[in-house]
């Protein structure tokens, strides 16, 4: 397993979603000042902070440290859908799920 720098991983996940640190702070329920200080001073997040960040990203802590694990065995289309879905806000995820459920009923 490759070693993951949590601060680099946070930046990567924000980049994938097109999120600023402000958006991440809002999604995860931590203050922007806490997140900004952590990143700028290169302070590693505590476990409770990391758990909140993962909740904000919509991923598990395991997925945070093993990013490829969640896509094992998926087709290219499924992996693309999952990648797009995880980049959505919680409200957007609700809408996407409702849309997909509606499409599935038409089959």
PDB file of N, CA and C in Angstrom:
ATOM      1  N   UNK A   1       0.834  -1.180   0.000  1.00  0.00           N
ATOM      2  CA  UNK A   1       0.000   0.000   0.000  1.00  0.00           C
ATOM      3  C   UNK A   1       0.881   1.246   0.000  1.00  0.00           C
ATOM      4  N   UNK A   2       0.532   2.215  -0.837  1.00  0.00           N
ATOM      5  CA  UNK A   2       1.266   3.467  -0.887  1.00  0.00           C
ATOM      6  C   UNK A   2       0.911   4.324   0.308  1.00  0.00           C
ATOM      7  N   UNK A   3       1.916   5.055   0.809  1.00  0.00           N
ATOM      8  CA  UNK A   3       1.632   5.980   1.898  1.00  0.00           C
ATOM      9  C   UNK A   3       0.917   7.193   1.346  1.00  0.00           C
ATOM     10  N   UNK A   4      -0.103   7.612   2.048  1.00  0.00           N
ATOM     11  CA  UNK A   4      -0.907   8.755   1.622  1.00  0.00           C
ATOM     12  C   UNK A   4      -0.667   9.889   2.606  1.00  0.00           C
ATOM     13  N   UNK A   5      -0.334  11.049   2.075  1.00  0.00           N
ATOM     14  CA  UNK A   5      -0.247  12.249   2.904  1.00  0.00           C
ATOM     15  C   UNK A   5      -1.660  12.809   2.992  1.00  0.00           C
ATOM     16  N   UNK A   6      -2.244  12.850   4.188  1.00  0.00           N
ATOM     17  CA  UNK A   6      -3.631  13.305   4.306  1.00  0.00           C
ATOM     18  C   UNK A   6      -3.881  14.699   3.727  1.00  0.00           C
ATOM     19  N   UNK A   7      -2.938  15.607   3.880  1.00  0.00           N
ATOM     20  CA  UNK A   7      -3.139  16.956   3.353  1.00  0.00           C
ATOM     21  C   UNK A   7      -3.135  16.960   1.825  1.00  0.00           C
ATOM     22  N   UNK A   8      -2.260  16.156   1.233  1.00  0.00           N
ATOM     23  CA  UNK A   8      -2.256  16.038  -0.224  1.00  0.00           C
ATOM     24  C   UNK A   8      -3.543  15.388  -0.723  1.00  0.00           C
ATOM     25  N   UNK A   9      -4.016  14.397   0.026  1.00  0.00           N
ATOM     26  CA  UNK A   9      -5.249  13.702  -0.366  1.00  0.00           C
ATOM     27  C   UNK A   9      -6.454  14.644  -0.266  1.00  0.00           C
ATOM     28  N   UNK A  10      -6.488  15.476   0.765  1.00  0.00           N
ATOM     29  CA  UNK A  10      -7.567  16.462   0.899  1.00  0.00           C
ATOM     30  C   UNK A  10      -7.561  17.387  -0.309  1.00  0.00           C
ATOM     31  N   UNK A  11      -6.387  17.857  -0.690  1.00  0.00           N
ATOM     32  CA  UNK A  11      -6.276  18.742  -1.850  1.00  0.00           C
ATOM     33  C   UNK A  11      -6.726  18.026  -3.117  1.00  0.00           C
ATOM     34  N   UNK A  12      -6.322  16.775  -3.276  1.00  0.00           N
ATOM     35  CA  UNK A  12      -6.709  15.979  -4.450  1.00  0.00           C
ATOM     36  C   UNK A  12      -8.225  15.837  -4.533  1.00  0.00           C
ATOM     37  N   UNK A  13      -8.855  15.509  -3.412  1.00  0.00           N
ATOM     38  CA  UNK A  13     -10.307  15.334  -3.398  1.00  0.00           C
ATOM     39  C   UNK A  13     -11.029  16.651  -3.674  1.00  0.00           C
ATOM     40  N   UNK A  14     -10.500  17.748  -3.162  1.00  0.00           N
ATOM     41  CA  UNK A  14     -11.085  19.062  -3.468  1.00  0.00           C
ATOM     42  C   UNK A  14     -10.935  19.373  -4.954  1.00  0.00           C
ATOM     43  N   UNK A  15      -9.770  19.098  -5.510  1.00  0.00           N
ATOM     44  CA  UNK A  15      -9.530  19.346  -6.938  1.00  0.00           C
ATOM     45  C   UNK A  15     -10.473  18.522  -7.806  1.00  0.00           C
ATOM     46  N   UNK A  16     -10.666  17.254  -7.446  1.00  0.00           N
ATOM     47  CA  UNK A  16     -11.559  16.377  -8.213  1.00  0.00           C
ATOM     48  C   UNK A  16     -12.987  16.915  -8.251  1.00  0.00           C
ATOM     49  N   UNK A  17     -13.382  17.558  -7.174  1.00  0.00           N
ATOM     50  CA  UNK A  17     -14.746  18.054  -7.066  1.00  0.00           C
ATOM     51  C   UNK A  17     -14.888  19.513  -7.492  1.00  0.00           C
ATOM     52  N   UNK A  18     -13.759  20.165  -7.713  1.00  0.00           N
ATOM     53  CA  UNK A  18     -13.789  21.588  -8.029  1.00  0.00           C
ATOM     54  C   UNK A  18     -14.186  22.418  -6.815  1.00  0.00           C
ATOM     55  N   UNK A  19     -13.849  21.923  -5.622  1.00  0.00           N
ATOM     56  CA  UNK A  19     -14.228  22.574  -4.372  1.00  0.00           C
ATOM     57  C   UNK A  19     -13.102  23.452  -3.851  1.00  0.00           C
ATOM     58  N   UNK A  20     -13.482  24.532  -3.219  1.00  0.00           N
ATOM     59  CA  UNK A  20     -12.543  25.338  -2.439  1.00  0.00           C
ATOM     60  C   UNK A  20     -12.522  24.762  -1.020  1.00  0.00           C
ATOM     61  N   UNK A  21     -11.578  25.224  -0.214  1.00  0.00           N
ATOM     62  CA  UNK A  21     -11.567  24.775   1.177  1.00  0.00           C
ATOM     63  C   UNK A  21     -12.810  25.275   1.916  1.00  0.00           C
ATOM     64  N   UNK A  22     -13.323  26.408   1.502  1.00  0.00           N
ATOM     65  CA  UNK A  22     -14.548  26.920   2.108  1.00  0.00           C
ATOM     66  C   UNK A  22     -15.707  25.937   1.849  1.00  0.00           C
ATOM     67  N   UNK A  23     -15.823  25.461   0.618  1.00  0.00           N
ATOM     68  CA  UNK A  23     -16.882  24.504   0.282  1.00  0.00           C
ATOM     69  C   UNK A  23     -16.718  23.204   1.067  1.00  0.00           C
ATOM     70  N   UNK A  24     -15.477  22.746   1.213  1.00  0.00           N
ATOM     71  CA  UNK A  24     -15.227  21.534   1.991  1.00  0.00           C
ATOM     72  C   UNK A  24     -15.597  21.758   3.453  1.00  0.00           C
ATOM     73  N   UNK A  25     -15.216  22.892   4.004  1.00  0.00           N
ATOM     74  CA  UNK A  25     -15.544  23.180   5.398  1.00  0.00           C
ATOM     75  C   UNK A  25     -17.053  23.183   5.598  1.00  0.00           C
ATOM     76  N   UNK A  26     -17.760  23.796   4.677  1.00  0.00           N
ATOM     77  CA  UNK A  26     -19.218  23.855   4.766  1.00  0.00           C
ATOM     78  C   UNK A  26     -19.829  22.455   4.673  1.00  0.00           C
ATOM     79  N   UNK A  27     -19.336  21.638   3.738  1.00  0.00           N
ATOM     80  CA  UNK A  27     -19.873  20.281   3.543  1.00  0.00           C
ATOM     81  C   UNK A  27     -19.564  19.360   4.714  1.00  0.00           C
ATOM     82  N   UNK A  28     -18.431  19.595   5.380  1.00  0.00           N
ATOM     83  CA  UNK A  28     -18.000  18.693   6.445  1.00  0.00           C
ATOM     84  C   UNK A  28     -18.377  19.173   7.844  1.00  0.00           C
ATOM     85  N   UNK A  29     -18.833  20.407   7.960  1.00  0.00           N
ATOM     86  CA  UNK A  29     -19.244  20.906   9.265  1.00  0.00           C
ATOM     87  C   UNK A  29     -18.105  21.337  10.164  1.00  0.00           C
ATOM     88  N   UNK A  30     -16.937  21.570   9.586  1.00  0.00           N
ATOM     89  CA  UNK A  30     -15.846  22.134  10.383  1.00  0.00           C
ATOM     90  C   UNK A  30     -15.669  23.586   9.958  1.00  0.00           C
ATOM     91  N   UNK A  31     -15.054  24.372  10.800  1.00  0.00           N
ATOM     92  CA  UNK A  31     -14.905  25.777  10.460  1.00  0.00           C
ATOM     93  C   UNK A  31     -13.837  25.943   9.386  1.00  0.00           C
ATOM     94  N   UNK A  32     -14.052  26.957   8.565  1.00  0.00           N
ATOM     95  CA  UNK A  32     -13.077  27.251   7.513  1.00  0.00           C
ATOM     96  C   UNK A  32     -11.726  27.586   8.121  1.00  0.00           C
ATOM     97  N   UNK A  33     -11.718  28.339   9.222  1.00  0.00           N
ATOM     98  CA  UNK A  33     -10.446  28.724   9.835  1.00  0.00           C
ATOM     99  C   UNK A  33      -9.665  27.497  10.306  1.00  0.00           C
ATOM    100  N   UNK A  34     -10.364  26.497  10.835  1.00  0.00           N
ATOM    101  CA  UNK A  34      -9.700  25.264  11.265  1.00  0.00           C
ATOM    102  C   UNK A  34      -9.061  24.554  10.074  1.00  0.00           C
ATOM    103  N   UNK A  35      -9.820  24.424   9.005  1.00  0.00           N
ATOM    104  CA  UNK A  35      -9.315  23.751   7.809  1.00  0.00           C
ATOM    105  C   UNK A  35      -8.167  24.528   7.184  1.00  0.00           C
ATOM    106  N   UNK A  36      -8.333  25.822   7.048  1.00  0.00           N
ATOM    107  CA  UNK A  36      -7.303  26.665   6.435  1.00  0.00           C
ATOM    108  C   UNK A  36      -6.007  26.637   7.245  1.00  0.00           C
ATOM    109  N   UNK A  37      -6.116  26.728   8.552  1.00  0.00           N
ATOM    110  CA  UNK A  37      -4.933  26.674   9.413  1.00  0.00           C
ATOM    111  C   UNK A  37      -4.248  25.320   9.298  1.00  0.00           C
ATOM    112  N   UNK A  38      -5.032  24.251   9.291  1.00  0.00           N
ATOM    113  CA  UNK A  38      -4.484  22.902   9.182  1.00  0.00           C
ATOM    114  C   UNK A  38      -3.672  22.756   7.894  1.00  0.00           C
ATOM    115  N   UNK A  39      -4.235  23.221   6.789  1.00  0.00           N
ATOM    116  CA  UNK A  39      -3.577  23.068   5.496  1.00  0.00           C
ATOM    117  C   UNK A  39      -2.361  23.991   5.386  1.00  0.00           C
ATOM    118  N   UNK A  40      -2.520  25.241   5.755  1.00  0.00           N
ATOM    119  CA  UNK A  40      -1.421  26.210   5.610  1.00  0.00           C
ATOM    120  C   UNK A  40      -0.249  25.930   6.535  1.00  0.00           C
ATOM    121  N   UNK A  41      -0.517  25.395   7.716  1.00  0.00           N
ATOM    122  CA  UNK A  41       0.564  25.100   8.662  1.00  0.00           C
ATOM    123  C   UNK A  41       1.018  23.648   8.576  1.00  0.00           C
ATOM    124  N   UNK A  42       0.430  22.910   7.603  1.00  0.00           N
ATOM    125  CA  UNK A  42       0.772  21.503   7.390  1.00  0.00           C
ATOM    126  C   UNK A  42       0.567  20.659   8.645  1.00  0.00           C
ATOM    127  N   UNK A  43      -0.496  20.973   9.398  1.00  0.00           N
ATOM    128  CA  UNK A  43      -0.864  20.176  10.571  1.00  0.00           C
ATOM    129  C   UNK A  43      -1.729  19.016  10.114  1.00  0.00           C
ATOM    130  N   UNK A  44      -1.387  17.826  10.528  1.00  0.00           N
ATOM    131  CA  UNK A  44      -2.174  16.659  10.161  1.00  0.00           C
ATOM    132  C   UNK A  44      -3.506  16.691  10.907  1.00  0.00           C
ATOM    133  N   UNK A  45      -4.586  16.311  10.231  1.00  0.00           N
ATOM    134  CA  UNK A  45      -5.890  16.323  10.894  1.00  0.00           C
ATOM    135  C   UNK A  45      -5.992  15.232  11.952  1.00  0.00           C
ATOM    136  N   UNK A  46      -6.720  15.540  13.010  1.00  0.00           N
ATOM    137  CA  UNK A  46      -7.009  14.519  14.021  1.00  0.00           C
ATOM    138  C   UNK A  46      -8.005  13.536  13.412  1.00  0.00           C
ATOM    139  N   UNK A  47      -8.184  12.408  14.047  1.00  0.00           N
ATOM    140  CA  UNK A  47      -9.125  11.412  13.530  1.00  0.00           C
ATOM    141  C   UNK A  47     -10.557  11.957  13.471  1.00  0.00           C
ATOM    142  N   UNK A  48     -11.041  12.634  14.526  1.00  0.00           N
ATOM    143  CA  UNK A  48     -12.399  13.189  14.417  1.00  0.00           C
ATOM    144  C   UNK A  48     -12.542  14.204  13.271  1.00  0.00           C
ATOM    145  N   UNK A  49     -11.524  15.023  13.053  1.00  0.00           N
ATOM    146  CA  UNK A  49     -11.561  15.985  11.949  1.00  0.00           C
ATOM    147  C   UNK A  49     -11.547  15.248  10.618  1.00  0.00           C
ATOM    148  N   UNK A  50     -10.704  14.227  10.510  1.00  0.00           N
ATOM    149  CA  UNK A  50     -10.638  13.441   9.274  1.00  0.00           C
ATOM    150  C   UNK A  50     -11.976  12.755   8.984  1.00  0.00           C
ATOM    151  N   UNK A  51     -12.630  12.267  10.014  1.00  0.00           N
ATOM    152  CA  UNK A  51     -13.934  11.628   9.832  1.00  0.00           C
ATOM    153  C   UNK A  51     -14.957  12.640   9.305  1.00  0.00           C
ATOM    154  N   UNK A  52     -14.939  13.861   9.840  1.00  0.00           N
ATOM    155  CA  UNK A  52     -15.849  14.899   9.361  1.00  0.00           C
ATOM    156  C   UNK A  52     -15.544  15.272   7.915  1.00  0.00           C
ATOM    157  N   UNK A  53     -14.260  15.361   7.582  1.00  0.00           N
ATOM    158  CA  UNK A  53     -13.878  15.678   6.201  1.00  0.00           C
ATOM    159  C   UNK A  53     -14.355  14.586   5.254  1.00  0.00           C
ATOM    160  N   UNK A  54     -14.183  13.338   5.653  1.00  0.00           N
ATOM    161  CA  UNK A  54     -14.635  12.225   4.816  1.00  0.00           C
ATOM    162  C   UNK A  54     -16.149  12.263   4.643  1.00  0.00           C
ATOM    163  N   UNK A  55     -16.877  12.588   5.696  1.00  0.00           N
ATOM    164  CA  UNK A  55     -18.332  12.727   5.580  1.00  0.00           C
ATOM    165  C   UNK A  55     -18.666  13.822   4.571  1.00  0.00           C
ATOM    166  N   UNK A  56     -17.943  14.926   4.636  1.00  0.00           N
ATOM    167  CA  UNK A  56     -18.164  16.014   3.697  1.00  0.00           C
ATOM    168  C   UNK A  56     -17.901  15.590   2.263  1.00  0.00           C
ATOM    169  N   UNK A  57     -16.874  14.789   2.065  1.00  0.00           N
ATOM    170  CA  UNK A  57     -16.555  14.284   0.732  1.00  0.00           C
ATOM    171  C   UNK A  57     -17.507  13.166   0.302  1.00  0.00           C
ATOM    172  N   UNK A  58     -18.210  12.582   1.261  1.00  0.00           N
ATOM    173  CA  UNK A  58     -19.109  11.473   0.938  1.00  0.00           C
ATOM    174  C   UNK A  58     -18.378  10.163   0.743  1.00  0.00           C
ATOM    175  N   UNK A  59     -17.264   9.997   1.453  1.00  0.00           N
ATOM    176  CA  UNK A  59     -16.477   8.771   1.361  1.00  0.00           C
ATOM    177  C   UNK A  59     -16.187   8.252   2.759  1.00  0.00           C
ATOM    178  N   UNK A  60     -15.755   7.003   2.846  1.00  0.00           N
ATOM    179  CA  UNK A  60     -15.349   6.447   4.133  1.00  0.00           C
ATOM    180  C   UNK A  60     -13.882   6.786   4.384  1.00  0.00           C
ATOM    181  N   UNK A  61     -13.464   6.614   5.622  1.00  0.00           N
ATOM    182  CA  UNK A  61     -12.049   6.840   5.952  1.00  0.00           C
ATOM    183  C   UNK A  61     -11.187   5.828   5.196  1.00  0.00           C
ATOM    184  N   UNK A  62     -11.698   4.609   5.029  1.00  0.00           N
ATOM    185  CA  UNK A  62     -10.968   3.600   4.262  1.00  0.00           C
ATOM    186  C   UNK A  62     -10.766   4.070   2.825  1.00  0.00           C
ATOM    187  N   UNK A  63     -11.823   4.612   2.215  1.00  0.00           N
ATOM    188  CA  UNK A  63     -11.707   5.122   0.845  1.00  0.00           C
ATOM    189  C   UNK A  63     -10.755   6.308   0.766  1.00  0.00           C
ATOM    190  N   UNK A  64     -10.659   7.067   1.841  1.00  0.00           N
ATOM    191  CA  UNK A  64      -9.732   8.194   1.882  1.00  0.00           C
ATOM    192  C   UNK A  64      -8.297   7.689   1.725  1.00  0.00           C
ATOM    193  N   UNK A  65      -7.969   6.616   2.442  1.00  0.00           N
ATOM    194  CA  UNK A  65      -6.603   6.089   2.411  1.00  0.00           C
ATOM    195  C   UNK A  65      -6.359   5.042   1.325  1.00  0.00           C
ATOM    196  N   UNK A  66      -7.413   4.472   0.775  1.00  0.00           N
ATOM    197  CA  UNK A  66      -7.298   3.498  -0.310  1.00  0.00           C
ATOM    198  C   UNK A  66      -8.217   3.923  -1.452  1.00  0.00           C
ATOM    199  N   UNK A  67      -7.839   4.968  -2.190  1.00  0.00           N
ATOM    200  CA  UNK A  67      -8.737   5.534  -3.191  1.00  0.00           C
ATOM    201  C   UNK A  67      -9.153   4.573  -4.301  1.00  0.00           C
ATOM    202  N   UNK A  68      -8.342   3.627  -4.643  1.00  0.00           N
ATOM    203  CA  UNK A  68      -8.672   2.714  -5.741  1.00  0.00           C
ATOM    204  C   UNK A  68      -9.553   1.551  -5.287  1.00  0.00           C
ATOM    205  N   UNK A  69      -9.679   1.355  -4.002  1.00  0.00           N
ATOM    206  CA  UNK A  69     -10.442   0.228  -3.451  1.00  0.00           C
ATOM    207  C   UNK A  69     -11.899   0.274  -3.857  1.00  0.00           C
ATOM    208  N   UNK A  70     -12.475   1.457  -3.863  1.00  0.00           N
ATOM    209  CA  UNK A  70     -13.910   1.568  -4.112  1.00  0.00           C
ATOM    210  C   UNK A  70     -14.290   1.291  -5.566  1.00  0.00           C
ATOM    211  N   UNK A  71     -13.313   1.242  -6.472  1.00  0.00           N
ATOM    212  CA  UNK A  71     -13.633   1.038  -7.876  1.00  0.00           C
ATOM    213  C   UNK A  71     -13.181  -0.323  -8.396  1.00  0.00           C
ATOM    214  N   UNK A  72     -12.748  -1.195  -7.506  1.00  0.00           N
ATOM    215  CA  UNK A  72     -12.330  -2.531  -7.913  1.00  0.00           C
ATOM    216  C   UNK A  72     -13.534  -3.304  -8.432  1.00  0.00           C
ATOM    217  N   UNK A  73     -13.389  -3.888  -9.607  1.00  0.00           N
ATOM    218  CA  UNK A  73     -14.439  -4.716 -10.171  1.00  0.00           C
ATOM    219  C   UNK A  73     -15.541  -3.954 -10.895  1.00  0.00           C
ATOM    220  N   UNK A  74     -15.418  -2.653 -11.013  1.00  0.00           N
ATOM    221  CA  UNK A  74     -16.425  -1.868 -11.715  1.00  0.00           C
ATOM    222  C   UNK A  74     -16.069  -1.733 -13.191  1.00  0.00           C
ATOM    223  N   UNK A  75     -17.088  -1.621 -14.027  1.00  0.00           N
ATOM    224  CA  UNK A  75     -16.831  -1.319 -15.431  1.00  0.00           C
ATOM    225  C   UNK A  75     -16.390   0.136 -15.533  1.00  0.00           C
ATOM    226  N   UNK A  76     -15.899   0.526 -16.708  1.00  0.00           N
ATOM    227  CA  UNK A  76     -15.485   1.919 -16.910  1.00  0.00           C
ATOM    228  C   UNK A  76     -16.648   2.875 -16.685  1.00  0.00           C
ATOM    229  N   UNK A  77     -17.822   2.520 -17.210  1.00  0.00           N
ATOM    230  CA  UNK A  77     -19.000   3.374 -17.046  1.00  0.00           C
ATOM    231  C   UNK A  77     -19.414   3.488 -15.584  1.00  0.00           C
ATOM    232  N   UNK A  78     -19.375   2.372 -14.859  1.00  0.00           N
ATOM    233  CA  UNK A  78     -19.739   2.396 -13.448  1.00  0.00           C
ATOM    234  C   UNK A  78     -18.753   3.246 -12.648  1.00  0.00           C
ATOM    235  N   UNK A  79     -17.468   3.099 -12.934  1.00  0.00           N
ATOM    236  CA  UNK A  79     -16.455   3.892 -12.241  1.00  0.00           C
ATOM    237  C   UNK A  79     -16.634   5.380 -12.543  1.00  0.00           C
ATOM    238  N   UNK A  80     -16.967   5.706 -13.790  1.00  0.00           N
ATOM    239  CA  UNK A  80     -17.193   7.108 -14.156  1.00  0.00           C
ATOM    240  C   UNK A  80     -18.400   7.669 -13.411  1.00  0.00           C
ATOM    241  N   UNK A  81     -19.477   6.889 -13.339  1.00  0.00           N
ATOM    242  CA  UNK A  81     -20.677   7.326 -12.601  1.00  0.00           C
ATOM    243  C   UNK A  81     -20.364   7.534 -11.120  1.00  0.00           C
ATOM    244  N   UNK A  82     -19.638   6.608 -10.536  1.00  0.00           N
ATOM    245  CA  UNK A  82     -19.288   6.717  -9.124  1.00  0.00           C
ATOM    246  C   UNK A  82     -18.417   7.941  -8.875  1.00  0.00           C
ATOM    247  N   UNK A  83     -17.477   8.177  -9.751  1.00  0.00           N
ATOM    248  CA  UNK A  83     -16.596   9.334  -9.616  1.00  0.00           C
ATOM    249  C   UNK A  83     -17.390  10.635  -9.690  1.00  0.00           C
ATOM    250  N   UNK A  84     -18.299  10.721 -10.640  1.00  0.00           N
ATOM    251  CA  UNK A  84     -19.140  11.915 -10.766  1.00  0.00           C
ATOM    252  C   UNK A  84     -20.055  12.064  -9.551  1.00  0.00           C
ATOM    253  N   UNK A  85     -20.635  10.968  -9.106  1.00  0.00           N
ATOM    254  CA  UNK A  85     -21.568  11.003  -7.982  1.00  0.00           C
ATOM    255  C   UNK A  85     -20.885  11.502  -6.717  1.00  0.00           C
ATOM    256  N   UNK A  86     -19.667  11.023  -6.453  1.00  0.00           N
ATOM    257  CA  UNK A  86     -18.985  11.420  -5.219  1.00  0.00           C
ATOM    258  C   UNK A  86     -18.596  12.892  -5.224  1.00  0.00           C
ATOM    259  N   UNK A  87     -18.548  13.506  -6.400  1.00  0.00           N
ATOM    260  CA  UNK A  87     -18.200  14.923  -6.484  1.00  0.00           C
ATOM    261  C   UNK A  87     -19.400  15.830  -6.223  1.00  0.00           C
ATOM    262  N   UNK A  88     -20.596  15.255  -6.113  1.00  0.00           N
ATOM    263  CA  UNK A  88     -21.800  16.053  -5.918  1.00  0.00           C
ATOM    264  C   UNK A  88     -21.994  16.441  -4.456  1.00  0.00           C
ATOM    265  N   UNK A  89     -22.725  17.524  -4.252  1.00  0.00           N
ATOM    266  CA  UNK A  89     -23.115  17.917  -2.900  1.00  0.00           C
ATOM    267  C   UNK A  89     -24.193  16.945  -2.420  1.00  0.00           C
ATOM    268  N   UNK A  90     -24.477  16.915  -1.131  1.00  0.00           N
ATOM    269  CA  UNK A  90     -25.540  16.017  -0.640  1.00  0.00           C
ATOM    270  C   UNK A  90     -26.889  16.258  -1.325  1.00  0.00           C
ATOM    271  N   UNK A  91     -27.263  17.501  -1.553  1.00  0.00           N
ATOM    272  CA  UNK A  91     -28.534  17.786  -2.242  1.00  0.00           C
ATOM    273  C   UNK A  91     -28.506  17.289  -3.685  1.00  0.00           C
ATOM    274  N   UNK A  92     -27.381  17.482  -4.357  1.00  0.00           N
ATOM    275  CA  UNK A  92     -27.255  17.017  -5.741  1.00  0.00           C
ATOM    276  C   UNK A  92     -27.298  15.495  -5.807  1.00  0.00           C
ATOM    277  N   UNK A  93     -26.739  14.829  -4.804  1.00  0.00           N
ATOM    278  CA  UNK A  93     -26.790  13.362  -4.758  1.00  0.00           C
ATOM    279  C   UNK A  93     -28.230  12.879  -4.648  1.00  0.00           C
ATOM    280  N   UNK A  94     -29.033  13.558  -3.832  1.00  0.00           N
ATOM    281  CA  UNK A  94     -30.446  13.200  -3.690  1.00  0.00           C
ATOM    282  C   UNK A  94     -31.150  13.318  -5.039  1.00  0.00           C
ATOM    283  N   UNK A  95     -30.889  14.410  -5.751  1.00  0.00           N
ATOM    284  CA  UNK A  95     -31.509  14.617  -7.059  1.00  0.00           C
ATOM    285  C   UNK A  95     -31.061  13.558  -8.064  1.00  0.00           C
ATOM    286  N   UNK A  96     -29.770  13.254  -8.061  1.00  0.00           N
ATOM    287  CA  UNK A  96     -29.244  12.253  -8.993  1.00  0.00           C
ATOM    288  C   UNK A  96     -29.873  10.881  -8.724  1.00  0.00           C
ATOM    289  N   UNK A  97     -29.987  10.521  -7.460  1.00  0.00           N
ATOM    290  CA  UNK A  97     -30.604   9.238  -7.113  1.00  0.00           C
ATOM    291  C   UNK A  97     -32.072   9.192  -7.538  1.00  0.00           C
ATOM    292  N   UNK A  98     -32.789  10.279  -7.310  1.00  0.00           N
ATOM    293  CA  UNK A  98     -34.195  10.327  -7.707  1.00  0.00           C
ATOM    294  C   UNK A  98     -34.319  10.183  -9.224  1.00  0.00           C
ATOM    295  N   UNK A  99     -33.437  10.846  -9.955  1.00  0.00           N
ATOM    296  CA  UNK A  99     -33.450  10.767 -11.414  1.00  0.00           C
ATOM    297  C   UNK A  99     -33.170   9.339 -11.886  1.00  0.00           C
ATOM    298  N   UNK A 100     -32.152   8.708 -11.285  1.00  0.00           N
ATOM    299  CA  UNK A 100     -31.812   7.341 -11.691  1.00  0.00           C
ATOM    300  C   UNK A 100     -32.934   6.368 -11.343  1.00  0.00           C
ATOM    301  N   UNK A 101     -33.592   6.570 -10.207  1.00  0.00           N
ATOM    302  CA  UNK A 101     -34.722   5.703  -9.831  1.00  0.00           C
ATOM    303  C   UNK A 101     -35.847   5.860 -10.843  1.00  0.00           C
ATOM    304  N   UNK A 102     -36.084   7.095 -11.279  1.00  0.00           N
ATOM    305  CA  UNK A 102     -37.108   7.335 -12.297  1.00  0.00           C
ATOM    306  C   UNK A 102     -36.768   6.653 -13.614  1.00  0.00           C
ATOM    307  N   UNK A 103     -35.522   6.723 -14.002  1.00  0.00           N
ATOM    308  CA  UNK A 103     -35.085   6.053 -15.239  1.00  0.00           C
ATOM    309  C   UNK A 103     -35.231   4.535 -15.116  1.00  0.00           C
ATOM    310  N   UNK A 104     -34.884   4.000 -13.966  1.00  0.00           N
ATOM    311  CA  UNK A 104     -34.939   2.546 -13.762  1.00  0.00           C
ATOM    312  C   UNK A 104     -36.370   2.034 -13.844  1.00  0.00           C
ATOM    313  N   UNK A 105     -37.333   2.841 -13.432  1.00  0.00           N
ATOM    314  CA  UNK A 105     -38.746   2.426 -13.491  1.00  0.00           C
ATOM    315  C   UNK A 105     -39.244   2.329 -14.924  1.00  0.00           C
ATOM    316  N   UNK A 106     -38.603   3.050 -15.830  1.00  0.00           N
ATOM    317  CA  UNK A 106     -39.005   3.030 -17.234  1.00  0.00           C
ATOM    318  C   UNK A 106     -38.554   1.757 -17.937  1.00  0.00           C
ATOM    319  N   UNK A 107     -37.604   1.043 -17.342  1.00  0.00           N
ATOM    320  CA  UNK A 107     -37.068  -0.166 -17.990  1.00  0.00           C
ATOM    321  C   UNK A 107     -38.010  -1.309 -17.972  1.00  0.00           C
TER     322      UNK A 107
END
